[in-house]
Protein backbone atom coordinates (compact mmCIF):
# COMPACT_ATOMS: atom_id res chain seq x y z
CA UNK A 1 10.05 25.20 -3.23
CA UNK A 2 13.77 24.46 -4.01
CA UNK A 3 14.06 23.17 -7.70
CA UNK A 4 16.73 23.43 -10.37
CA UNK A 5 15.65 25.63 -13.23
CA UNK A 6 14.70 23.68 -16.31
CA UNK A 7 15.24 24.11 -20.04
CA UNK A 8 12.81 24.59 -22.77
CA UNK A 9 10.81 22.07 -24.56
CA UNK A 10 7.36 20.42 -24.29
CA UNK A 11 8.52 17.72 -21.88
CA UNK A 12 10.18 20.23 -19.52
CA UNK A 13 6.94 22.27 -19.88
CA UNK A 14 5.06 19.20 -18.60
CA UNK A 15 7.36 18.82 -15.72
CA UNK A 16 7.00 22.31 -14.69
CA UNK A 17 3.13 21.64 -14.89
CA UNK A 18 3.47 18.95 -12.27
CA UNK A 19 5.80 21.01 -10.10
CA UNK A 20 3.32 23.63 -10.24
CA UNK A 21 0.65 21.29 -8.94
CA UNK A 22 2.78 19.91 -6.15
CA UNK A 23 4.19 23.22 -5.20
CA UNK A 24 6.13 22.63 -1.56
CA UNK A 25 5.31 18.94 -1.98
CA UNK A 26 8.29 18.68 -4.36
CA UNK A 27 11.82 19.33 -3.29
CA UNK A 28 15.30 19.56 -5.14
CA UNK A 29 13.82 18.45 -8.64
CA UNK A 30 15.84 18.96 -11.72
CA UNK A 31 19.12 17.80 -11.10
CA UNK A 32 20.53 14.37 -12.31
CA UNK A 33 19.48 12.48 -8.97
CA UNK A 34 18.07 13.11 -5.65
CA UNK A 35 19.98 13.76 -2.69
CA UNK A 36 18.30 12.24 0.73
CA UNK A 37 19.50 12.59 4.16
CA UNK A 38 18.43 10.09 6.84
CA UNK A 39 18.67 10.23 10.50
CA UNK A 40 21.94 8.86 11.77
CA UNK A 41 21.68 5.04 12.68
CA UNK A 42 18.59 4.34 10.54
CA UNK A 43 18.42 2.05 7.67
CA UNK A 44 17.13 3.40 4.20
CA UNK A 45 14.26 1.40 3.02
CA UNK A 46 13.25 1.64 -0.78
CA UNK A 47 10.56 -0.12 -2.77
CA UNK A 48 9.22 0.37 -6.23
CA UNK A 49 5.75 -0.35 -7.60
CA UNK A 50 4.04 0.15 -10.98
CA UNK A 51 0.45 0.95 -11.85
CA UNK A 52 -0.38 0.32 -15.37
CA UNK A 53 -3.54 1.02 -17.44
CA UNK A 54 -5.65 -1.96 -18.23
CA UNK A 55 -3.55 -4.00 -15.89
CA UNK A 56 -4.00 -2.49 -12.52
CA UNK A 57 -6.77 0.17 -13.17
CA UNK A 58 -9.38 1.05 -15.53
CA UNK A 59 -10.09 4.66 -16.57
CA UNK A 60 -13.73 4.10 -16.56
CA UNK A 61 -13.65 3.13 -13.06
CA UNK A 62 -11.46 5.68 -11.33
CA UNK A 63 -10.86 9.50 -11.92
CA UNK A 64 -7.37 10.64 -13.06
CA UNK A 65 -6.95 11.89 -9.40
CA UNK A 66 -7.95 8.77 -7.82
CA UNK A 67 -5.49 6.91 -10.24
CA UNK A 68 -2.53 9.11 -9.36
CA UNK A 69 -3.36 9.07 -5.55
CA UNK A 70 -3.85 5.04 -5.61
CA UNK A 71 -0.54 4.44 -7.36
CA UNK A 72 1.50 6.38 -4.89
CA UNK A 73 -0.44 5.07 -2.00
CA UNK A 74 0.19 1.32 -2.83
CA UNK A 75 3.76 2.09 -2.94
CA UNK A 76 3.79 3.96 0.29
CA UNK A 77 1.97 1.03 2.04
CA UNK A 78 5.34 -0.99 1.43
CA UNK A 79 7.08 1.21 3.72
CA UNK A 80 4.32 0.84 6.09
CA UNK A 81 4.95 -2.81 6.12
CA UNK A 82 8.34 -2.28 7.34
CA UNK A 83 7.39 0.47 9.96
CA UNK A 84 9.53 2.83 7.96
CA UNK A 85 9.02 6.64 7.93
CA UNK A 86 8.57 8.09 4.29
CA UNK A 87 11.66 10.36 3.32
CA UNK A 88 10.59 10.94 -0.21
CA UNK A 89 9.26 9.25 -3.54
CA UNK A 90 10.37 9.26 -7.09
CA UNK A 91 7.55 9.39 -9.75
CA UNK A 92 8.10 7.80 -13.30
CA UNK A 93 5.15 8.61 -15.50
CA UNK A 94 4.52 7.20 -18.95
CA UNK A 95 1.88 9.31 -20.60
CA UNK A 96 -0.19 8.73 -23.70
CA UNK A 97 -1.39 11.52 -25.86
CA UNK A 98 -4.93 10.79 -24.75
CA UNK A 99 -3.95 11.42 -21.20
CA UNK A 100 -1.90 14.82 -21.56
CA UNK A 101 -4.71 17.11 -20.86
CA UNK A 102 -5.54 15.14 -17.62
CA UNK A 103 -1.91 15.27 -16.31
CA UNK A 104 -2.87 18.09 -13.71
CA UNK A 105 -5.39 15.84 -12.20
CA UNK A 106 -2.92 12.88 -12.02
CA UNK A 107 -0.52 15.23 -10.22
CA UNK A 108 -3.25 16.29 -7.80
CA UNK A 109 -3.92 12.73 -6.92
CA UNK A 110 0.02 12.02 -6.49
CA UNK A 111 0.31 15.22 -4.39
CA UNK A 112 -2.62 14.21 -2.06
CA UNK A 113 -0.89 10.62 -1.28
CA UNK A 114 2.48 12.37 -0.68
CA UNK A 115 1.16 14.88 1.44
CA UNK A 116 -0.96 12.44 3.42
CA UNK A 117 2.17 10.56 4.36
CA UNK A 118 4.14 13.54 5.29
CA UNK A 119 6.74 13.27 2.64
CA UNK A 120 8.08 15.08 -0.73
CA UNK A 121 8.44 14.36 -4.45
CA UNK A 122 12.25 14.11 -4.99
CA UNK A 123 12.31 13.62 -8.75
CA UNK A 124 11.49 10.94 -11.36
CA UNK A 125 11.09 10.61 -15.21
CA UNK A 126 8.54 11.69 -17.67
CA UNK A 127 7.89 10.04 -21.15
CA UNK A 128 5.39 9.12 -23.81
CA UNK A 129 3.81 5.77 -23.66
CA UNK A 130 1.32 3.62 -25.18
CA UNK A 131 -0.79 3.38 -22.13
CA UNK A 132 -0.64 5.32 -18.89
CA UNK A 133 1.74 4.03 -16.40
CA UNK A 134 2.79 5.34 -13.01
CA UNK A 135 5.97 3.76 -11.25
CA UNK A 136 6.58 4.92 -7.81
CA UNK A 137 9.99 4.62 -5.98
CA UNK A 138 9.50 5.36 -2.25
CA UNK A 139 12.41 5.78 0.05
CA UNK A 140 12.26 5.75 3.94
CA UNK A 141 14.24 5.05 7.08
CA UNK A 142 13.85 3.05 10.11
CA UNK A 143 16.09 2.04 12.96
CA UNK A 144 14.89 -1.62 13.35
CA UNK A 145 12.64 -2.49 10.21
CA UNK A 146 9.59 -4.83 10.87
CA UNK A 147 10.35 -7.89 8.40
CA UNK A 148 8.07 -10.70 7.28
CA UNK A 149 10.43 -13.08 8.72
CA UNK A 150 10.01 -12.53 12.46
CA UNK A 151 7.09 -14.31 13.60
CA UNK A 152 7.29 -17.19 16.19
CA UNK A 153 5.24 -20.07 17.20
CA UNK A 154 3.04 -18.84 19.86
CA UNK A 155 2.75 -15.21 18.45
CA UNK A 156 -0.58 -13.71 18.42
CA UNK A 157 -1.98 -12.42 14.72
CA UNK A 158 -3.57 -8.98 14.32
CA UNK A 159 -4.92 -7.11 11.45
CA UNK A 160 -5.64 -3.23 11.09
CA UNK A 161 -8.85 -2.01 9.81
CA UNK A 162 -11.73 -3.85 8.01
CA UNK A 163 -11.52 -6.45 5.07
CA UNK A 164 -13.43 -6.94 1.99
CA UNK A 165 -14.31 -3.56 0.75
CA UNK A 166 -11.98 -3.45 -2.32
CA UNK A 167 -13.23 -6.49 -3.61
CA UNK A 168 -16.70 -5.52 -3.18
CA UNK A 169 -16.09 -2.49 -4.92
CA UNK A 170 -14.47 -4.32 -7.81
CA UNK A 171 -17.29 -6.55 -7.97
CA UNK A 172 -19.55 -3.75 -8.35
CA UNK A 173 -17.35 -2.14 -11.06
CA UNK A 174 -17.23 -5.43 -13.05
CA UNK A 175 -20.89 -5.75 -12.99
CA UNK A 176 -21.18 -2.47 -14.80
CA UNK A 177 -22.24 -0.31 -11.61
CA UNK A 178 -20.52 2.49 -9.90
CA UNK A 179 -18.63 0.65 -7.18
CA UNK A 180 -21.22 0.66 -4.53
CA UNK A 181 -21.03 1.60 -0.96
CA UNK A 182 -17.43 0.60 -0.63
CA UNK A 183 -15.93 2.26 -3.83
CA UNK A 184 -13.69 4.43 -1.53
CA UNK A 185 -11.89 1.41 -0.20
CA UNK A 186 -10.58 0.64 -3.70
CA UNK A 187 -10.05 4.20 -4.90
CA UNK A 188 -8.70 5.66 -1.82
CA UNK A 189 -6.58 3.30 0.32
CA UNK A 190 -4.60 4.75 3.12
CA UNK A 191 -0.88 3.59 3.97
CA UNK A 192 -0.89 2.76 7.49
CA UNK A 193 2.44 4.80 8.17
CA UNK A 194 1.70 5.81 11.62
CA UNK A 195 -0.04 2.80 12.75
CA UNK A 196 2.89 0.67 11.75
CA UNK A 197 4.98 2.84 13.89
CA UNK A 198 2.98 2.28 16.76
CA UNK A 199 2.68 -1.41 16.17
CA UNK A 200 6.65 -1.70 16.09
CA UNK A 201 6.80 0.17 19.26
CA UNK A 202 4.31 -2.03 20.91
CA UNK A 203 6.48 -4.92 20.16
CA UNK A 204 5.17 -6.40 16.85
CA UNK A 205 7.56 -9.09 15.50
CA UNK A 206 6.67 -9.48 11.76
CA UNK A 207 4.40 -7.61 9.41
CA UNK A 208 3.17 -7.48 5.83
CA UNK A 209 0.75 -5.09 3.95
CA UNK A 210 -2.44 -6.74 2.52
CA UNK A 211 -2.23 -6.23 -1.42
CA UNK A 212 -2.58 -9.83 -2.53
CA UNK A 213 -5.47 -10.65 -0.03
CA UNK A 214 -5.42 -11.62 3.65
CA UNK A 215 -4.98 -15.27 2.87
CA UNK A 216 -2.26 -15.21 0.27
CA UNK A 217 -0.24 -12.46 2.40
CA UNK A 218 -0.75 -14.59 5.47
CA UNK A 219 1.18 -17.49 3.50
CA UNK A 220 3.93 -14.91 2.55
CA UNK A 221 4.50 -13.90 6.04
CA UNK A 222 4.42 -17.67 7.36
CA UNK A 223 6.59 -18.84 4.48
CA UNK A 224 9.26 -16.02 5.41
CA UNK A 225 9.20 -16.84 9.00
CA UNK A 226 9.25 -20.64 8.75
CA UNK A 227 6.05 -21.22 10.73
CA UNK A 228 2.38 -21.79 10.13
CA UNK A 229 -0.60 -19.74 10.81
CA UNK A 230 -3.93 -20.52 12.17
CA UNK A 231 -6.81 -17.94 11.77
CA UNK A 232 -10.32 -17.85 12.86
CA UNK A 233 -12.83 -16.87 10.16
CA UNK A 234 -15.32 -15.87 12.87
CA UNK A 235 -12.64 -13.11 14.15
CA UNK A 236 -12.18 -11.42 10.82
CA UNK A 237 -13.05 -7.93 10.69
CA UNK A 238 -15.33 -7.37 7.79
CA UNK A 239 -16.81 -4.29 6.11
CA UNK A 240 -20.47 -4.46 6.24
CA UNK A 241 -22.27 -6.67 3.67
CA UNK A 242 -19.02 -8.85 2.76
CA UNK A 243 -18.89 -12.30 3.74
CA UNK A 244 -15.66 -13.92 5.23
CA UNK A 245 -14.97 -15.77 1.86
CA UNK A 246 -14.69 -12.45 0.09
CA UNK A 247 -12.82 -10.80 3.10
CA UNK A 248 -9.97 -13.14 2.88
CA UNK A 249 -9.33 -13.01 -0.76
CA UNK A 250 -9.83 -9.34 -1.15
CA UNK A 251 -6.70 -7.80 -2.43
CA UNK A 252 -5.45 -4.22 -2.56
CA UNK A 253 -6.67 -3.84 0.87
CA UNK A 254 -3.35 -2.12 2.15
CA UNK A 255 -4.20 -3.03 5.74
CA UNK A 256 -1.42 -4.39 7.74
CA UNK A 257 -1.22 -8.11 9.01
CA UNK A 258 1.01 -8.21 12.05
CA UNK A 259 2.29 -10.58 14.63
CA UNK A 260 3.30 -9.98 18.32
CA UNK A 261 4.52 -12.30 21.15
CA UNK A 262 2.01 -10.67 23.34
CA UNK A 263 -1.42 -9.12 23.66
CA UNK A 264 -1.33 -5.64 22.09
CA UNK A 265 -3.41 -2.81 23.42
CA UNK A 266 -6.42 -2.77 20.89
CA UNK A 267 -8.08 -0.25 22.93
CA UNK A 268 -5.32 2.37 22.73
CA UNK A 269 -4.86 1.61 19.01
CA UNK A 270 -8.33 2.24 18.21
CA UNK A 271 -8.47 5.31 20.21
CA UNK A 272 -5.60 6.90 18.64
CA UNK A 273 -6.04 5.88 15.18
CA UNK A 274 -9.84 5.59 15.05
CA UNK A 275 -9.28 2.24 13.38
CA UNK A 276 -10.00 -1.27 14.59
CA UNK A 277 -7.15 -3.42 15.56
CA UNK A 278 -8.32 -7.15 15.69
CA UNK A 279 -6.69 -10.39 17.03
CA UNK A 280 -7.46 -13.11 14.40
CA UNK A 281 -5.37 -15.89 15.15
CA UNK A 282 -1.87 -17.45 16.13
CA UNK A 283 1.44 -18.52 14.72
CA UNK A 284 1.92 -22.14 15.17
CA UNK A 285 4.76 -24.84 14.69
CA UNK A 286 4.01 -26.35 11.35
CA UNK A 287 5.12 -26.49 7.83
CA UNK A 288 6.58 -23.14 6.76
CA UNK A 289 3.92 -21.27 4.84
CA UNK A 290 0.84 -23.31 5.99
CA UNK A 291 -2.19 -21.29 6.60
CA UNK A 292 -5.30 -22.49 8.16
CA UNK A 293 -8.53 -20.61 8.27
CA UNK A 294 -10.96 -22.25 10.95
CA UNK A 295 -14.27 -22.48 9.46
CA UNK A 296 -13.01 -22.13 5.98
CA UNK A 297 -11.41 -25.54 5.12
CA UNK A 298 -11.91 -25.19 1.41
CA UNK A 299 -10.50 -21.78 0.82
CA UNK A 300 -7.95 -21.37 -2.10
CA UNK A 301 -5.12 -19.50 -0.92
CA UNK A 302 -3.63 -18.08 -4.10
CA UNK A 303 -3.20 -14.33 -4.32
CA UNK A 304 -2.75 -12.04 -7.52
CA UNK A 305 -0.19 -13.26 -10.09
CA UNK A 306 0.97 -10.64 -12.49
CA UNK A 307 1.79 -13.47 -15.05
CA UNK A 308 -1.44 -15.59 -14.81
CA UNK A 309 -4.62 -14.70 -16.67
């Protein structure tokens, strides 16, 4: 592990604890800023995401390891949506006194997410706080990024994986139960990094990761592309026991919604990734951002709003 020696003090002791947990998953930590090399000709892709106690997670629902993992996985999913290869992450932790003895577990979850996406911790910040917060900046590179604005009328619409598990688990937690059969879908989402690269190479024209729910994120993509989307409720890939209404509204899925001008080889995709790839509709000419879900005429397409409720 290549790190810069750190000085004395309780803050630096905590950073040393984190670095000990991450081992070779952390690189070049300890200088004023990280230095990142990307392949010649690639674009640098960056995104930042925050997970705040009481706003994005509850300590009674998830373990400290799951909280750390989930915060970083959500940020890495933004790179997947752009078909970018992760090159490193920066972690800013706000840690209340009540969480300090669980910092090692949080670090283990962060390390699991970083390792699973083949990247490294490059640095960050550590401070005291009133509630636990994890802010993750992700850095990636890609030669030609997938954007939300690339869909054209006539494109086919696909989604990876299955939908509804996160919402089903959240409903179980809210009812005072332990998350049910789909708890892992909420606690352990998987950024679709390799899948996105395959989709881009196969000719995908636009993409977005499903964080606000299929219906809402479909509208985001359609608005950016200046087209409308027509989706089929009967084609939606749903986890067992979840109906279409819950499936289209379920946020924090971190599956990918993509468009392509031709049929994609779903058999090859499923054989390679052991994950469904399902065609669920088409891009059509119409009002920018209009989303119709055939069979669900009254669905409310809203999505999560951080400043409402």
